[in-house]
Every structure is written in C-alpha cells, then in structure tokens.
Amino acid sequence: MMTKNSTYQNWISVSTLTNSIQNQWIGRISNFQAKSSTSNDTINEYDLDWNGDKNAIFGVQFNVKSYSRKDTVALYKNLTFYKLEAMTTEKGNLMLVSATGMCSDHDFQVIAQKITDEYEKPLIEQKEFSYFKTYHYTCKLSDRIIQLVSKAKIDFNQTPHNIFTEQDKKVIKETSKDRLDEIHLFICKTEYEKKLKGKMIAGDWSDFK
C-alpha cells in the first residue's frame, strides 16, 4: 500500500464527495491539477450517445496528462491515489470523480470489505474489454455511486485472442504493464449514473461501467 507523500499536505479525502462540499471539491481538484499537466476537454451529447447532438455540451472532463506515482493526491479509506480527475457539467457542477492508484490484491479486498461493512454488499461484476478482464465492485447509495475497479488481468483464451503467438503475448504483457498494476475508484453523483456509466470510451473514464 502506498504511503502519503509530503508533496501534497492537503490530499483530498475521496469519501467526502457530497453535494454540500461540491465547491470545495472543485477548488481543491483545481489546485492539484495546477501541479500537473492537465487538459479541460469538452464532452458533448454525441460523445456519450451516437444519437446525441454533436453541438450540445454535456460536460467538461479535467484530465491529467502527466503525474508521478510517487505522489499522493487523494485518499479513500486506507487507499492512496496518485492521479485524480473530475468531470463537471458545463455550469461546473461535479458529476464524477476518477482516482487511480496501486495496491496489493489483499489491500483491495480489505477496502471492498470495508465498503460492505459501512454501506452494503457491493455488486461484483466481471467486465471484459479486448483481452483484459477486470472486476467491478459497485455500491449504490442515495446520493452517489461508488465503484472500485480491480487491477486488470489478461486472458488470451478468449476468442479471437487465442490466436496470439507467444511473442505477441510477451509484447502485450510488457506494453500493458501499467494497466495491470493500477486500480481505479469512481464516485458518481446518482443523478448522472445513467448518462455516464458505461458510456465513455476514452482514458480511465472507460472503466466506469
């Protein structure tokens, strides 16, 4: 499990994502983003639904382009994260937060159990994309959705990926190393779940499904 790095004295407690402190969240996320290479990307209705209007802005993604795994910018229970991104409406209302970090399988299960003890037993789903397989632990509360996503595992036995040569597999494992090490935490305001969950295809956002 990572330890808190002194670079960020006021790291964000992700578990406090509520309507009452939304402005504080936006301000603090902006502060952290100022320390990294970031971009603000406008998302329109078409980006989430091919039947959507390409000219209708749905929201803005605050995406981090560079970061250090040695830093700690966010905390959720006992897990620390080195990358934090947010998505707001065009007017600036917080919709979704994405945090990325690393932890052991044991620590991941400990946090999953803490979520169960504090809220309810999460829905556990296996998700597949290409030759990657992840497990998504989703807990639905009255005001927000909490989703914890495990490290990805590679499954070359899925058709048509079982045609890869051993050299192909070696290259894929090496180039996918970051994805195989990282976990993700998503916290989404309940009213935006249907619009966002499973609809995004770029970056870490695509794992919210």
N, C-alpha and C. Protein backbone atom coordinates (compact mmCIF):
# COMPACT_ATOMS: atom_id res chain seq x y z
N MET A 1 0.85 -1.19 0.00
CA MET A 1 0.00 0.00 0.00
C MET A 1 0.88 1.24 0.00
N MET A 2 0.52 2.26 -0.76
CA MET A 2 1.34 3.45 -0.83
C MET A 2 1.20 4.27 0.44
N THR A 3 2.18 5.10 0.72
CA THR A 3 2.13 5.99 1.86
C THR A 3 1.91 7.41 1.38
N LYS A 4 1.45 8.28 2.26
CA LYS A 4 1.19 9.66 1.90
C LYS A 4 2.51 10.37 1.65
N ASN A 5 2.62 11.02 0.50
CA ASN A 5 3.85 11.72 0.15
C ASN A 5 3.75 13.17 0.61
N SER A 6 4.85 13.71 1.11
CA SER A 6 4.83 15.05 1.67
C SER A 6 4.60 16.14 0.63
N THR A 7 4.65 15.78 -0.66
CA THR A 7 4.44 16.77 -1.70
C THR A 7 3.07 17.43 -1.56
N TYR A 8 2.06 16.65 -1.16
CA TYR A 8 0.71 17.16 -1.02
C TYR A 8 0.27 17.04 0.44
N GLN A 9 0.31 18.16 1.15
CA GLN A 9 -0.05 18.15 2.55
C GLN A 9 -1.57 18.03 2.74
N ASN A 10 -2.34 18.53 1.77
CA ASN A 10 -3.80 18.54 1.91
C ASN A 10 -4.45 17.67 0.84
N TRP A 11 -4.07 16.40 0.83
CA TRP A 11 -4.65 15.49 -0.15
C TRP A 11 -6.15 15.37 0.10
N ILE A 12 -6.88 15.03 -0.94
CA ILE A 12 -8.34 15.01 -0.88
C ILE A 12 -8.86 13.67 -0.37
N SER A 13 -9.79 13.73 0.56
CA SER A 13 -10.47 12.51 1.01
C SER A 13 -11.63 12.25 0.07
N VAL A 14 -11.48 11.24 -0.79
CA VAL A 14 -12.48 10.98 -1.83
C VAL A 14 -13.82 10.57 -1.24
N SER A 15 -13.81 10.00 -0.03
CA SER A 15 -15.05 9.51 0.57
C SER A 15 -16.01 10.64 0.94
N THR A 16 -15.54 11.91 0.87
CA THR A 16 -16.41 13.02 1.25
C THR A 16 -17.10 13.66 0.06
N LEU A 17 -17.23 12.96 -1.04
CA LEU A 17 -17.90 13.51 -2.22
C LEU A 17 -19.39 13.62 -1.94
N THR A 18 -19.85 14.80 -1.57
CA THR A 18 -21.27 15.05 -1.31
C THR A 18 -21.64 16.40 -1.90
N ASN A 19 -22.94 16.63 -2.06
CA ASN A 19 -23.40 17.89 -2.63
C ASN A 19 -22.96 19.09 -1.78
N SER A 20 -22.92 18.93 -0.46
CA SER A 20 -22.66 20.05 0.44
C SER A 20 -21.26 20.62 0.30
N ILE A 21 -20.30 19.82 -0.15
CA ILE A 21 -18.93 20.33 -0.26
C ILE A 21 -18.46 20.39 -1.71
N GLN A 22 -19.39 20.44 -2.63
CA GLN A 22 -19.03 20.41 -4.04
C GLN A 22 -18.06 21.52 -4.42
N ASN A 23 -18.29 22.75 -3.97
CA ASN A 23 -17.42 23.86 -4.34
C ASN A 23 -16.01 23.66 -3.80
N GLN A 24 -15.92 23.12 -2.59
CA GLN A 24 -14.62 22.84 -2.00
C GLN A 24 -13.88 21.81 -2.84
N TRP A 25 -14.61 20.80 -3.30
CA TRP A 25 -14.02 19.75 -4.14
C TRP A 25 -13.43 20.35 -5.40
N ILE A 26 -14.23 21.15 -6.10
CA ILE A 26 -13.79 21.72 -7.37
C ILE A 26 -12.53 22.56 -7.16
N GLY A 27 -12.52 23.37 -6.11
CA GLY A 27 -11.36 24.21 -5.83
C GLY A 27 -10.11 23.41 -5.54
N ARG A 28 -10.25 22.36 -4.75
CA ARG A 28 -9.09 21.56 -4.38
C ARG A 28 -8.58 20.73 -5.55
N ILE A 29 -9.49 20.21 -6.36
CA ILE A 29 -9.07 19.47 -7.54
C ILE A 29 -8.31 20.39 -8.49
N SER A 30 -8.79 21.63 -8.63
CA SER A 30 -8.11 22.59 -9.50
C SER A 30 -6.70 22.86 -8.99
N ASN A 31 -6.54 22.93 -7.67
CA ASN A 31 -5.23 23.14 -7.06
C ASN A 31 -4.26 22.03 -7.43
N PHE A 32 -4.73 20.78 -7.29
CA PHE A 32 -3.89 19.63 -7.60
C PHE A 32 -3.55 19.59 -9.08
N GLN A 33 -4.53 19.94 -9.91
CA GLN A 33 -4.29 19.90 -11.34
C GLN A 33 -3.27 20.94 -11.77
N ALA A 34 -3.18 22.04 -11.02
CA ALA A 34 -2.22 23.08 -11.35
C ALA A 34 -0.79 22.57 -11.21
N LYS A 35 -0.60 21.49 -10.44
CA LYS A 35 0.73 20.93 -10.23
C LYS A 35 1.11 19.96 -11.34
N SER A 36 0.15 19.61 -12.21
CA SER A 36 0.40 18.61 -13.24
C SER A 36 0.07 19.18 -14.62
N SER A 37 0.39 18.42 -15.65
CA SER A 37 -0.01 18.78 -17.00
C SER A 37 -1.44 18.27 -17.20
N THR A 38 -2.38 19.19 -17.38
CA THR A 38 -3.79 18.81 -17.47
C THR A 38 -4.43 19.41 -18.70
N SER A 39 -5.63 18.90 -19.01
CA SER A 39 -6.42 19.49 -20.09
C SER A 39 -7.88 19.46 -19.68
N ASN A 40 -8.61 20.46 -20.12
CA ASN A 40 -10.05 20.50 -19.90
C ASN A 40 -10.72 20.15 -21.22
N ASP A 41 -11.34 18.99 -21.28
CA ASP A 41 -11.91 18.50 -22.53
C ASP A 41 -13.43 18.56 -22.49
N THR A 42 -14.01 19.27 -23.44
CA THR A 42 -15.46 19.38 -23.52
C THR A 42 -16.07 18.10 -24.08
N ILE A 43 -17.11 17.61 -23.40
CA ILE A 43 -17.81 16.40 -23.83
C ILE A 43 -19.21 16.78 -24.29
N ASN A 44 -19.56 16.39 -25.51
CA ASN A 44 -20.91 16.70 -25.98
C ASN A 44 -21.80 15.45 -25.91
N GLU A 45 -23.08 15.66 -26.19
CA GLU A 45 -24.05 14.56 -26.08
C GLU A 45 -23.69 13.40 -27.01
N TYR A 46 -23.12 13.71 -28.15
CA TYR A 46 -22.76 12.68 -29.13
C TYR A 46 -21.64 11.78 -28.60
N ASP A 47 -20.76 12.32 -27.76
CA ASP A 47 -19.66 11.52 -27.21
C ASP A 47 -20.19 10.40 -26.31
N LEU A 48 -21.36 10.58 -25.74
CA LEU A 48 -21.94 9.59 -24.83
C LEU A 48 -23.01 8.74 -25.49
N ASP A 49 -23.57 9.22 -26.57
CA ASP A 49 -24.63 8.50 -27.26
C ASP A 49 -24.60 8.91 -28.73
N TRP A 50 -24.43 7.94 -29.63
CA TRP A 50 -24.32 8.27 -31.05
C TRP A 50 -25.58 8.91 -31.61
N ASN A 51 -26.66 8.86 -30.85
CA ASN A 51 -27.87 9.56 -31.27
C ASN A 51 -27.92 10.97 -30.69
N GLY A 52 -26.90 11.32 -29.93
CA GLY A 52 -26.87 12.63 -29.28
C GLY A 52 -26.46 13.75 -30.22
N ASP A 53 -26.70 14.97 -29.77
CA ASP A 53 -26.41 16.17 -30.54
C ASP A 53 -24.93 16.52 -30.40
N LYS A 54 -24.23 16.63 -31.52
CA LYS A 54 -22.80 16.96 -31.51
C LYS A 54 -22.55 18.38 -31.02
N ASN A 55 -23.57 19.22 -31.07
CA ASN A 55 -23.41 20.63 -30.68
C ASN A 55 -23.89 20.91 -29.26
N ALA A 56 -24.43 19.89 -28.61
CA ALA A 56 -24.95 20.08 -27.25
C ALA A 56 -23.91 19.64 -26.23
N ILE A 57 -23.36 20.59 -25.48
CA ILE A 57 -22.33 20.28 -24.49
C ILE A 57 -22.96 19.59 -23.28
N PHE A 58 -22.39 18.44 -22.92
CA PHE A 58 -22.88 17.72 -21.75
C PHE A 58 -22.05 18.03 -20.51
N GLY A 59 -20.75 18.16 -20.69
CA GLY A 59 -19.91 18.42 -19.53
C GLY A 59 -18.47 18.67 -19.91
N VAL A 60 -17.63 18.78 -18.88
CA VAL A 60 -16.21 19.05 -19.07
C VAL A 60 -15.40 18.04 -18.25
N GLN A 61 -14.42 17.42 -18.89
CA GLN A 61 -13.52 16.50 -18.20
C GLN A 61 -12.21 17.22 -17.89
N PHE A 62 -11.78 17.14 -16.62
CA PHE A 62 -10.49 17.68 -16.21
C PHE A 62 -9.53 16.49 -16.19
N ASN A 63 -8.77 16.32 -17.28
CA ASN A 63 -7.93 15.15 -17.46
C ASN A 63 -6.46 15.46 -17.16
N VAL A 64 -5.84 14.59 -16.38
CA VAL A 64 -4.43 14.75 -16.03
C VAL A 64 -3.57 14.05 -17.09
N LYS A 65 -2.63 14.79 -17.66
CA LYS A 65 -1.79 14.25 -18.73
C LYS A 65 -0.46 13.72 -18.23
N SER A 66 0.03 14.23 -17.11
CA SER A 66 1.28 13.72 -16.55
C SER A 66 1.19 13.76 -15.03
N TYR A 67 1.80 12.79 -14.39
CA TYR A 67 1.73 12.67 -12.94
C TYR A 67 2.86 11.76 -12.48
N SER A 68 3.07 11.69 -11.18
CA SER A 68 4.09 10.81 -10.63
C SER A 68 3.44 9.81 -9.68
N ARG A 69 3.81 8.56 -9.82
CA ARG A 69 3.28 7.54 -8.93
C ARG A 69 3.82 7.68 -7.50
N LYS A 70 4.81 8.54 -7.33
CA LYS A 70 5.38 8.76 -6.01
C LYS A 70 4.53 9.74 -5.19
N ASP A 71 3.63 10.45 -5.85
CA ASP A 71 2.81 11.44 -5.16
C ASP A 71 1.51 10.82 -4.63
N THR A 72 0.93 11.47 -3.66
CA THR A 72 -0.39 11.11 -3.16
C THR A 72 -1.28 12.34 -3.25
N VAL A 73 -2.33 12.26 -4.07
CA VAL A 73 -3.22 13.41 -4.23
C VAL A 73 -4.62 13.14 -3.68
N ALA A 74 -4.93 11.88 -3.40
CA ALA A 74 -6.27 11.55 -2.90
C ALA A 74 -6.21 10.32 -2.01
N LEU A 75 -7.18 10.24 -1.11
CA LEU A 75 -7.26 9.14 -0.16
C LEU A 75 -8.69 8.64 -0.09
N TYR A 76 -8.85 7.32 -0.11
CA TYR A 76 -10.16 6.71 0.13
C TYR A 76 -9.96 5.59 1.15
N LYS A 77 -10.47 5.83 2.36
CA LYS A 77 -10.23 4.91 3.47
C LYS A 77 -8.72 4.71 3.62
N ASN A 78 -8.20 3.51 3.44
CA ASN A 78 -6.75 3.30 3.59
C ASN A 78 -6.00 3.28 2.26
N LEU A 79 -6.70 3.53 1.16
CA LEU A 79 -6.05 3.52 -0.15
C LEU A 79 -5.63 4.93 -0.53
N THR A 80 -4.44 5.06 -1.09
CA THR A 80 -3.98 6.36 -1.59
C THR A 80 -3.88 6.32 -3.11
N PHE A 81 -4.03 7.49 -3.73
CA PHE A 81 -4.07 7.58 -5.18
C PHE A 81 -3.16 8.69 -5.67
N TYR A 82 -2.52 8.46 -6.82
CA TYR A 82 -1.58 9.43 -7.37
C TYR A 82 -2.12 10.18 -8.58
N LYS A 83 -3.32 9.86 -8.99
CA LYS A 83 -3.93 10.54 -10.12
C LYS A 83 -5.40 10.78 -9.81
N LEU A 84 -5.85 12.02 -10.00
CA LEU A 84 -7.22 12.38 -9.69
C LEU A 84 -7.79 13.23 -10.82
N GLU A 85 -8.91 12.79 -11.36
CA GLU A 85 -9.56 13.53 -12.44
C GLU A 85 -11.02 13.75 -12.08
N ALA A 86 -11.63 14.75 -12.71
CA ALA A 86 -13.03 15.07 -12.39
C ALA A 86 -13.80 15.41 -13.65
N MET A 87 -15.10 15.25 -13.56
CA MET A 87 -15.98 15.63 -14.66
C MET A 87 -17.13 16.45 -14.09
N THR A 88 -17.37 17.62 -14.71
CA THR A 88 -18.42 18.52 -14.24
C THR A 88 -19.41 18.80 -15.37
N THR A 89 -20.54 19.37 -15.00
CA THR A 89 -21.47 19.87 -16.02
C THR A 89 -20.86 21.13 -16.62
N GLU A 90 -21.48 21.64 -17.66
CA GLU A 90 -20.98 22.87 -18.29
C GLU A 90 -20.99 24.03 -17.29
N LYS A 91 -21.93 23.98 -16.33
CA LYS A 91 -22.04 25.04 -15.33
C LYS A 91 -21.10 24.84 -14.15
N GLY A 92 -20.37 23.70 -14.14
CA GLY A 92 -19.41 23.48 -13.08
C GLY A 92 -19.86 22.61 -11.94
N ASN A 93 -21.02 21.97 -12.06
CA ASN A 93 -21.48 21.07 -11.01
C ASN A 93 -20.77 19.72 -11.14
N LEU A 94 -20.23 19.23 -10.04
CA LEU A 94 -19.47 17.99 -10.05
C LEU A 94 -20.36 16.79 -10.35
N MET A 95 -19.95 15.95 -11.33
CA MET A 95 -20.71 14.76 -11.69
C MET A 95 -19.99 13.48 -11.30
N LEU A 96 -18.69 13.42 -11.62
CA LEU A 96 -17.96 12.16 -11.47
C LEU A 96 -16.49 12.44 -11.16
N VAL A 97 -15.94 11.62 -10.27
CA VAL A 97 -14.52 11.71 -9.94
C VAL A 97 -13.87 10.36 -10.22
N SER A 98 -12.67 10.39 -10.78
CA SER A 98 -11.90 9.18 -11.06
C SER A 98 -10.56 9.29 -10.35
N ALA A 99 -10.21 8.27 -9.57
CA ALA A 99 -8.92 8.24 -8.87
C ALA A 99 -8.18 6.96 -9.27
N THR A 100 -6.88 7.08 -9.50
CA THR A 100 -6.06 5.95 -9.94
C THR A 100 -4.90 5.76 -8.99
N GLY A 101 -4.65 4.49 -8.64
CA GLY A 101 -3.54 4.18 -7.73
C GLY A 101 -3.11 2.73 -7.88
N MET A 102 -2.33 2.28 -6.93
CA MET A 102 -1.85 0.90 -6.93
C MET A 102 -2.00 0.33 -5.52
N CYS A 103 -2.29 -0.95 -5.42
CA CYS A 103 -2.33 -1.61 -4.11
C CYS A 103 -2.24 -3.12 -4.34
N SER A 104 -1.99 -3.85 -3.27
CA SER A 104 -1.94 -5.30 -3.36
C SER A 104 -3.36 -5.86 -3.48
N ASP A 105 -3.47 -7.10 -3.94
CA ASP A 105 -4.79 -7.74 -4.01
C ASP A 105 -5.41 -7.83 -2.63
N HIS A 106 -4.59 -8.06 -1.61
CA HIS A 106 -5.09 -8.16 -0.24
C HIS A 106 -5.70 -6.83 0.22
N ASP A 107 -4.98 -5.72 -0.03
CA ASP A 107 -5.49 -4.41 0.37
C ASP A 107 -6.77 -4.05 -0.38
N PHE A 108 -6.85 -4.47 -1.64
CA PHE A 108 -8.06 -4.23 -2.42
C PHE A 108 -9.26 -4.92 -1.77
N GLN A 109 -9.07 -6.16 -1.36
CA GLN A 109 -10.16 -6.92 -0.73
C GLN A 109 -10.53 -6.33 0.63
N VAL A 110 -9.53 -5.81 1.34
CA VAL A 110 -9.80 -5.17 2.64
C VAL A 110 -10.72 -3.97 2.45
N ILE A 111 -10.44 -3.15 1.43
CA ILE A 111 -11.29 -1.98 1.17
C ILE A 111 -12.68 -2.40 0.72
N ALA A 112 -12.75 -3.43 -0.11
CA ALA A 112 -14.05 -3.93 -0.56
C ALA A 112 -14.88 -4.38 0.64
N GLN A 113 -14.22 -5.01 1.62
CA GLN A 113 -14.93 -5.44 2.82
C GLN A 113 -15.36 -4.25 3.67
N LYS A 114 -14.53 -3.20 3.72
CA LYS A 114 -14.90 -2.00 4.48
C LYS A 114 -16.11 -1.32 3.86
N ILE A 115 -16.18 -1.32 2.53
CA ILE A 115 -17.36 -0.75 1.85
C ILE A 115 -18.60 -1.55 2.21
N THR A 116 -18.45 -2.88 2.24
CA THR A 116 -19.57 -3.75 2.62
C THR A 116 -20.02 -3.46 4.05
N ASP A 117 -19.06 -3.34 4.96
CA ASP A 117 -19.38 -3.10 6.37
C ASP A 117 -20.03 -1.74 6.58
N GLU A 118 -19.59 -0.73 5.84
CA GLU A 118 -20.10 0.62 6.06
C GLU A 118 -21.41 0.88 5.32
N TYR A 119 -21.55 0.33 4.13
CA TYR A 119 -22.74 0.62 3.33
C TYR A 119 -23.60 -0.63 3.10
N GLU A 120 -23.16 -1.44 2.18
CA GLU A 120 -23.89 -2.65 1.81
C GLU A 120 -22.94 -3.51 0.99
N LYS A 121 -23.34 -4.74 0.75
CA LYS A 121 -22.52 -5.61 -0.08
C LYS A 121 -22.55 -5.10 -1.52
N PRO A 122 -21.40 -4.81 -2.10
CA PRO A 122 -21.39 -4.28 -3.47
C PRO A 122 -21.74 -5.35 -4.50
N LEU A 123 -22.27 -4.89 -5.62
CA LEU A 123 -22.49 -5.77 -6.76
C LEU A 123 -21.14 -6.02 -7.41
N ILE A 124 -20.75 -7.27 -7.57
CA ILE A 124 -19.46 -7.61 -8.16
C ILE A 124 -19.69 -8.16 -9.57
N GLU A 125 -19.08 -7.49 -10.56
CA GLU A 125 -19.26 -7.90 -11.95
C GLU A 125 -17.90 -8.05 -12.63
N GLN A 126 -17.79 -9.07 -13.45
CA GLN A 126 -16.60 -9.25 -14.27
C GLN A 126 -16.83 -8.55 -15.60
N LYS A 127 -15.90 -7.68 -15.97
CA LYS A 127 -16.02 -6.94 -17.23
C LYS A 127 -14.85 -7.31 -18.13
N GLU A 128 -15.11 -7.41 -19.42
CA GLU A 128 -14.07 -7.76 -20.38
C GLU A 128 -13.99 -6.71 -21.48
N PHE A 129 -12.77 -6.37 -21.83
CA PHE A 129 -12.53 -5.48 -22.96
C PHE A 129 -11.27 -5.97 -23.67
N SER A 130 -11.42 -6.33 -24.93
CA SER A 130 -10.32 -6.93 -25.67
C SER A 130 -9.84 -8.15 -24.89
N TYR A 131 -8.55 -8.22 -24.55
CA TYR A 131 -8.04 -9.37 -23.80
C TYR A 131 -7.87 -9.04 -22.33
N PHE A 132 -8.44 -7.92 -21.88
CA PHE A 132 -8.37 -7.53 -20.47
C PHE A 132 -9.63 -7.94 -19.72
N LYS A 133 -9.44 -8.32 -18.46
CA LYS A 133 -10.56 -8.69 -17.61
C LYS A 133 -10.40 -7.96 -16.27
N THR A 134 -11.46 -7.29 -15.81
CA THR A 134 -11.44 -6.58 -14.55
C THR A 134 -12.68 -6.95 -13.73
N TYR A 135 -12.59 -6.69 -12.43
CA TYR A 135 -13.73 -6.92 -11.54
C TYR A 135 -14.16 -5.58 -10.96
N HIS A 136 -15.46 -5.31 -11.09
CA HIS A 136 -16.02 -4.03 -10.68
C HIS A 136 -16.94 -4.24 -9.47
N TYR A 137 -16.61 -3.54 -8.38
CA TYR A 137 -17.38 -3.61 -7.14
C TYR A 137 -18.19 -2.31 -7.04
N THR A 138 -19.50 -2.40 -7.20
CA THR A 138 -20.34 -1.21 -7.27
C THR A 138 -21.32 -1.16 -6.11
N CYS A 139 -21.31 -0.03 -5.42
CA CYS A 139 -22.22 0.19 -4.29
C CYS A 139 -23.07 1.41 -4.60
N LYS A 140 -24.39 1.26 -4.58
CA LYS A 140 -25.29 2.36 -4.90
C LYS A 140 -25.87 2.94 -3.61
N LEU A 141 -25.56 4.21 -3.35
CA LEU A 141 -26.09 4.92 -2.21
C LEU A 141 -27.15 5.90 -2.69
N SER A 142 -27.79 6.59 -1.77
CA SER A 142 -28.87 7.50 -2.16
C SER A 142 -28.37 8.68 -2.98
N ASP A 143 -27.15 9.16 -2.68
CA ASP A 143 -26.65 10.35 -3.36
C ASP A 143 -25.50 10.10 -4.31
N ARG A 144 -24.90 8.89 -4.28
CA ARG A 144 -23.75 8.64 -5.12
C ARG A 144 -23.55 7.15 -5.39
N ILE A 145 -22.79 6.88 -6.44
CA ILE A 145 -22.40 5.53 -6.81
C ILE A 145 -20.91 5.40 -6.53
N ILE A 146 -20.52 4.38 -5.79
CA ILE A 146 -19.11 4.12 -5.53
C ILE A 146 -18.72 2.86 -6.30
N GLN A 147 -17.70 2.96 -7.14
CA GLN A 147 -17.26 1.79 -7.89
C GLN A 147 -15.74 1.63 -7.76
N LEU A 148 -15.34 0.48 -7.30
CA LEU A 148 -13.93 0.13 -7.15
C LEU A 148 -13.60 -0.90 -8.22
N VAL A 149 -12.56 -0.62 -9.01
CA VAL A 149 -12.20 -1.48 -10.14
C VAL A 149 -10.83 -2.12 -9.89
N SER A 150 -10.78 -3.43 -9.98
CA SER A 150 -9.56 -4.18 -9.70
C SER A 150 -8.50 -3.97 -10.77
N LYS A 151 -7.28 -4.43 -10.47
CA LYS A 151 -6.24 -4.48 -11.48
C LYS A 151 -6.71 -5.38 -12.63
N ALA A 152 -6.31 -5.04 -13.83
CA ALA A 152 -6.71 -5.84 -14.99
C ALA A 152 -5.88 -7.12 -15.07
N LYS A 153 -6.50 -8.15 -15.58
CA LYS A 153 -5.80 -9.41 -15.86
C LYS A 153 -5.96 -9.70 -17.34
N ILE A 154 -4.95 -10.33 -17.91
CA ILE A 154 -5.00 -10.66 -19.34
C ILE A 154 -5.49 -12.09 -19.51
N ASP A 155 -6.44 -12.25 -20.41
CA ASP A 155 -6.97 -13.59 -20.72
C ASP A 155 -6.86 -13.80 -22.23
N PHE A 156 -5.85 -14.53 -22.65
CA PHE A 156 -5.64 -14.78 -24.07
C PHE A 156 -6.48 -15.94 -24.59
N ASN A 157 -7.25 -16.57 -23.71
CA ASN A 157 -8.06 -17.72 -24.13
C ASN A 157 -9.37 -17.31 -24.79
N GLN A 158 -9.70 -16.03 -24.67
CA GLN A 158 -10.93 -15.56 -25.29
C GLN A 158 -10.76 -15.50 -26.81
N THR A 159 -11.72 -15.96 -27.54
CA THR A 159 -11.72 -15.83 -29.00
C THR A 159 -11.97 -14.37 -29.34
N PRO A 160 -11.22 -13.75 -30.26
CA PRO A 160 -10.22 -14.37 -31.14
C PRO A 160 -8.78 -14.24 -30.63
N HIS A 161 -8.61 -13.89 -29.35
CA HIS A 161 -7.27 -13.60 -28.84
C HIS A 161 -6.43 -14.86 -28.61
N ASN A 162 -7.04 -16.02 -28.74
CA ASN A 162 -6.26 -17.26 -28.54
C ASN A 162 -5.39 -17.59 -29.75
N ILE A 163 -5.36 -16.69 -30.74
CA ILE A 163 -4.51 -16.92 -31.92
C ILE A 163 -3.15 -16.24 -31.77
N PHE A 164 -2.93 -15.52 -30.68
CA PHE A 164 -1.66 -14.82 -30.50
C PHE A 164 -0.51 -15.81 -30.33
N THR A 165 0.63 -15.45 -30.88
CA THR A 165 1.84 -16.25 -30.67
C THR A 165 2.41 -15.92 -29.29
N GLU A 166 3.34 -16.71 -28.83
CA GLU A 166 3.95 -16.46 -27.53
C GLU A 166 4.70 -15.13 -27.53
N GLN A 167 5.30 -14.78 -28.66
CA GLN A 167 5.99 -13.49 -28.76
C GLN A 167 4.99 -12.34 -28.68
N ASP A 168 3.84 -12.51 -29.35
CA ASP A 168 2.78 -11.49 -29.27
C ASP A 168 2.36 -11.28 -27.82
N LYS A 169 2.16 -12.37 -27.10
CA LYS A 169 1.71 -12.29 -25.71
C LYS A 169 2.73 -11.58 -24.84
N LYS A 170 3.99 -11.86 -25.09
CA LYS A 170 5.07 -11.24 -24.32
C LYS A 170 5.06 -9.73 -24.52
N VAL A 171 4.91 -9.30 -25.77
CA VAL A 171 4.90 -7.87 -26.09
C VAL A 171 3.68 -7.20 -25.46
N ILE A 172 2.53 -7.83 -25.55
CA ILE A 172 1.30 -7.26 -24.99
C ILE A 172 1.42 -7.10 -23.47
N LYS A 173 1.95 -8.10 -22.80
CA LYS A 173 2.12 -8.02 -21.35
C LYS A 173 3.06 -6.89 -20.95
N GLU A 174 4.11 -6.72 -21.73
CA GLU A 174 5.09 -5.68 -21.41
C GLU A 174 4.50 -4.29 -21.63
N THR A 175 3.82 -4.10 -22.76
CA THR A 175 3.26 -2.78 -23.08
C THR A 175 2.03 -2.45 -22.24
N SER A 176 1.43 -3.46 -21.61
CA SER A 176 0.22 -3.25 -20.80
C SER A 176 0.52 -3.22 -19.30
N LYS A 177 1.79 -3.14 -18.95
CA LYS A 177 2.19 -3.28 -17.55
C LYS A 177 1.49 -2.28 -16.63
N ASP A 178 1.38 -1.02 -17.07
CA ASP A 178 0.73 -0.01 -16.23
C ASP A 178 -0.71 -0.40 -15.91
N ARG A 179 -1.42 -0.85 -16.93
CA ARG A 179 -2.83 -1.20 -16.73
C ARG A 179 -2.97 -2.39 -15.79
N LEU A 180 -2.01 -3.29 -15.83
CA LEU A 180 -2.09 -4.48 -14.98
C LEU A 180 -1.75 -4.17 -13.53
N ASP A 181 -1.16 -3.02 -13.28
CA ASP A 181 -0.77 -2.63 -11.92
C ASP A 181 -1.79 -1.73 -11.24
N GLU A 182 -2.62 -1.04 -12.03
CA GLU A 182 -3.45 0.04 -11.49
C GLU A 182 -4.86 -0.40 -11.10
N ILE A 183 -5.37 0.25 -10.05
CA ILE A 183 -6.77 0.12 -9.68
C ILE A 183 -7.43 1.48 -9.89
N HIS A 184 -8.75 1.48 -9.96
CA HIS A 184 -9.48 2.74 -10.14
C HIS A 184 -10.64 2.83 -9.15
N LEU A 185 -10.91 4.04 -8.75
CA LEU A 185 -12.07 4.33 -7.91
C LEU A 185 -12.89 5.41 -8.60
N PHE A 186 -14.17 5.15 -8.76
CA PHE A 186 -15.08 6.14 -9.34
C PHE A 186 -16.16 6.46 -8.32
N ILE A 187 -16.46 7.75 -8.20
CA ILE A 187 -17.60 8.17 -7.38
C ILE A 187 -18.43 9.11 -8.24
N CYS A 188 -19.68 8.72 -8.45
CA CYS A 188 -20.55 9.42 -9.39
C CYS A 188 -21.82 9.87 -8.68
N LYS A 189 -22.23 11.10 -8.92
CA LYS A 189 -23.49 11.57 -8.38
C LYS A 189 -24.62 10.71 -8.99
N THR A 190 -25.56 10.31 -8.16
CA THR A 190 -26.61 9.38 -8.58
C THR A 190 -27.35 9.85 -9.82
N GLU A 191 -27.63 11.16 -9.89
CA GLU A 191 -28.44 11.67 -10.99
C GLU A 191 -27.75 11.60 -12.35
N TYR A 192 -26.44 11.33 -12.36
CA TYR A 192 -25.71 11.27 -13.62
C TYR A 192 -25.31 9.84 -14.01
N GLU A 193 -25.69 8.87 -13.21
CA GLU A 193 -25.26 7.48 -13.46
C GLU A 193 -25.67 7.00 -14.85
N LYS A 194 -26.93 7.15 -15.20
CA LYS A 194 -27.41 6.61 -16.47
C LYS A 194 -26.76 7.29 -17.67
N LYS A 195 -26.37 8.54 -17.50
CA LYS A 195 -25.75 9.28 -18.60
C LYS A 195 -24.29 8.89 -18.79
N LEU A 196 -23.60 8.49 -17.69
CA LEU A 196 -22.16 8.30 -17.75
C LEU A 196 -21.69 6.85 -17.67
N LYS A 197 -22.34 6.05 -16.85
CA LYS A 197 -21.86 4.69 -16.60
C LYS A 197 -21.93 3.85 -17.87
N GLY A 198 -20.76 3.35 -18.30
CA GLY A 198 -20.70 2.51 -19.48
C GLY A 198 -20.77 3.26 -20.80
N LYS A 199 -20.74 4.60 -20.75
CA LYS A 199 -20.91 5.39 -21.97
C LYS A 199 -19.61 6.01 -22.48
N MET A 200 -18.59 6.11 -21.62
CA MET A 200 -17.36 6.80 -22.02
C MET A 200 -16.34 5.79 -22.56
N ILE A 201 -15.58 6.22 -23.55
CA ILE A 201 -14.69 5.28 -24.23
C ILE A 201 -13.22 5.69 -24.17
N ALA A 202 -12.92 6.86 -23.59
CA ALA A 202 -11.54 7.35 -23.60
C ALA A 202 -10.94 7.36 -22.19
N GLY A 203 -9.64 7.06 -22.12
CA GLY A 203 -8.90 7.16 -20.86
C GLY A 203 -9.43 6.25 -19.77
N ASP A 204 -9.13 6.62 -18.53
CA ASP A 204 -9.59 5.84 -17.39
C ASP A 204 -11.10 5.87 -17.25
N TRP A 205 -11.74 6.89 -17.82
CA TRP A 205 -13.20 7.01 -17.73
C TRP A 205 -13.90 5.77 -18.29
N SER A 206 -13.28 5.12 -19.26
CA SER A 206 -13.92 3.97 -19.91
C SER A 206 -14.09 2.79 -18.95
N ASP A 207 -13.38 2.80 -17.82
CA ASP A 207 -13.51 1.71 -16.85
C ASP A 207 -14.70 1.90 -15.93
N PHE A 208 -15.37 3.02 -16.00
CA PHE A 208 -16.58 3.23 -15.21
C PHE A 208 -17.75 2.61 -15.96
N LYS A 209 -18.04 1.34 -15.61
CA LYS A 209 -19.08 0.62 -16.35
C LYS A 209 -19.70 -0.47 -15.50
